Every structure is written in C-alpha cells, then in structure tokens.
C-alpha cells in the first residue's frame, strides 16, 4: 500500500470515527430531557401496559390513559370502582421495565 493510500484511509477512518462519536453524544440524555433510547424504552413500556389493560376483561382500556417517563408509568382517567383502579396498577407494575406506577385514576360518580 502506498503512503498516500494509507494516509487517505486513515483520514476516512478518523472521519467516520469522529462522526460516530458525535452521533453517540447527540443521543445522550441530559438531566432534563430523555435520550433516544430512553424515549423508545418508554414507548415500549407504554404499549405493553396498554396491551395488558386492554386484555383485562374487567377494565375499559378506552377510559384509562397511560404515559411513561423514564420508566415511571402514570395512569389517569376514570374507572367504575376501586378494584379496577388497583387491578390497572397491578398490571402496570407487572410490565418489565416499569420502575414505579403513579395511579391518578378517578372513580366515576
């Protein structure tokens, strides 16, 4: 390999390595914002919790909202009784990746 080809190869390799490092830093999370990986994980958790609630015959999934931020699931909406609220919390806690559950469900009057 000639000296110029080797120099050119090293430059391309250095460029792609620098580009890769910049992309990693761009995906890192800051204290106030989620990184790309955290956002995807939260979206997966939300989907799994919604599916678990949907598959529970005694719960009306259309009346329960699910949001996830950094593994913390928040349930909100309305349920017909306290048993339903407890069951929704139990289902959410059973999903892999859930750090904690905030139950803001309200009983229908």
Protein backbone atom coordinates (compact mmCIF):
# COMPACT_ATOMS: atom_id res chain seq x y z
CA UNK A 1 0.00 0.00 0.00
CA UNK A 2 1.43 3.36 -0.93
CA UNK A 3 1.94 6.14 1.59
CA UNK A 4 -0.84 8.32 0.10
CA UNK A 5 -3.41 5.48 0.11
CA UNK A 6 -2.62 4.69 3.73
CA UNK A 7 -2.88 8.37 4.69
CA UNK A 8 -6.21 8.66 2.86
CA UNK A 9 -7.51 5.51 4.54
CA UNK A 10 -6.55 6.85 7.97
CA UNK A 11 -8.33 10.12 7.23
CA UNK A 12 -11.54 8.36 6.21
CA UNK A 13 -11.35 6.10 9.25
CA UNK A 14 -10.78 9.11 11.51
CA UNK A 15 -13.67 10.98 9.92
CA UNK A 16 -16.11 8.09 10.39
CA UNK A 17 -14.93 7.51 13.95
CA UNK A 18 -15.48 11.20 14.75
CA UNK A 19 -18.91 11.09 13.11
CA UNK A 20 -19.82 8.02 15.16
CA UNK A 21 -18.74 9.69 18.41
CA UNK A 22 -20.74 12.84 17.62
CA UNK A 23 -23.84 10.75 16.96
CA UNK A 24 -23.43 9.00 20.31
CA UNK A 25 -23.16 12.30 22.14
CA UNK A 26 -26.23 13.56 20.28
CA UNK A 27 -28.28 10.63 21.60
CA UNK A 28 -27.17 11.04 25.21
CA UNK A 29 -29.78 12.33 27.60
CA UNK A 30 -29.40 15.50 29.57
CA UNK A 31 -30.77 15.90 33.10
CA UNK A 32 -33.98 17.49 31.82
CA UNK A 33 -34.58 15.52 28.64
CA UNK A 34 -34.86 11.92 27.55
CA UNK A 35 -32.34 10.38 25.20
CA UNK A 36 -33.44 8.45 22.14
CA UNK A 37 -33.01 5.09 23.85
CA UNK A 38 -34.98 6.17 26.90
CA UNK A 39 -37.79 7.50 24.71
CA UNK A 40 -38.01 4.21 22.81
CA UNK A 41 -37.96 2.22 26.05
CA UNK A 42 -40.75 4.37 27.49
CA UNK A 43 -42.81 3.93 24.32
CA UNK A 44 -42.40 0.14 24.55
CA UNK A 45 -43.41 0.17 28.23
CA UNK A 46 -46.47 2.31 27.46
CA UNK A 47 -47.53 -0.07 24.68
CA UNK A 48 -47.12 -3.13 26.91
CA UNK A 49 -49.09 -1.56 29.77
CA UNK A 50 -51.89 -0.53 27.38
CA UNK A 51 -51.98 -4.08 25.98
CA UNK A 52 -52.16 -5.58 29.47
CA UNK A 53 -55.06 -3.27 30.38
CA UNK A 54 -56.78 -3.97 27.05
CA UNK A 55 -56.56 -7.74 27.63
CA UNK A 56 -58.17 -7.44 31.07
CA UNK A 57 -61.89 -8.08 30.60
CA UNK A 58 -62.98 -6.03 33.62
CA UNK A 59 -61.17 -2.85 32.56
CA UNK A 60 -62.24 -0.38 29.89
CA UNK A 61 -58.95 0.47 28.21
CA UNK A 62 -60.52 3.39 26.34
CA UNK A 63 -61.07 5.18 29.65
CA UNK A 64 -57.54 4.68 31.03
CA UNK A 65 -54.65 6.83 29.80
CA UNK A 66 -51.08 5.55 30.10
CA UNK A 67 -47.97 7.72 29.95
CA UNK A 68 -44.39 6.72 30.74
CA UNK A 69 -41.36 8.86 31.50
CA UNK A 70 -38.04 7.28 32.46
CA UNK A 71 -39.75 4.05 33.48
CA UNK A 72 -42.37 5.74 35.66
CA UNK A 73 -45.87 4.89 34.45
CA UNK A 74 -48.73 7.29 35.10
CA UNK A 75 -52.28 6.00 34.88
CA UNK A 76 -55.08 8.54 34.57
CA UNK A 77 -58.72 8.51 33.59
CA UNK A 78 -61.85 7.06 35.10
CA UNK A 79 -62.78 3.60 36.38
CA UNK A 80 -66.01 2.26 37.81
CA UNK A 81 -64.62 1.05 41.16
CA UNK A 82 -61.54 0.91 43.39
CA UNK A 83 -60.91 -2.72 42.43
CA UNK A 84 -60.46 -1.68 38.80
CA UNK A 85 -58.01 1.05 39.79
CA UNK A 86 -55.98 -1.43 41.85
CA UNK A 87 -56.01 -4.01 39.07
CA UNK A 88 -54.75 -1.47 36.50
CA UNK A 89 -51.88 -0.54 38.85
CA UNK A 90 -51.08 -4.22 39.41
CA UNK A 91 -50.98 -4.88 35.65
CA UNK A 92 -48.71 -1.88 35.04
CA UNK A 93 -46.30 -2.98 37.78
CA UNK A 94 -46.08 -6.39 36.14
CA UNK A 95 -44.62 -5.00 32.91
CA UNK A 96 -40.87 -5.41 32.52
CA UNK A 97 -39.01 -2.11 32.73
CA UNK A 98 -41.55 -0.31 34.91
CA UNK A 99 -39.75 1.49 37.76
CA UNK A 100 -42.88 2.69 39.53
CA UNK A 101 -46.56 3.45 38.91
CA UNK A 102 -48.45 6.65 39.69
CA UNK A 103 -52.13 5.86 39.93
CA UNK A 104 -54.14 9.01 39.16
CA UNK A 105 -57.28 7.07 38.23
CA UNK A 106 -60.55 8.55 39.49
CA UNK A 107 -63.77 6.78 40.35
CA UNK A 108 -66.82 7.56 38.25
CA UNK A 109 -69.55 9.30 40.26
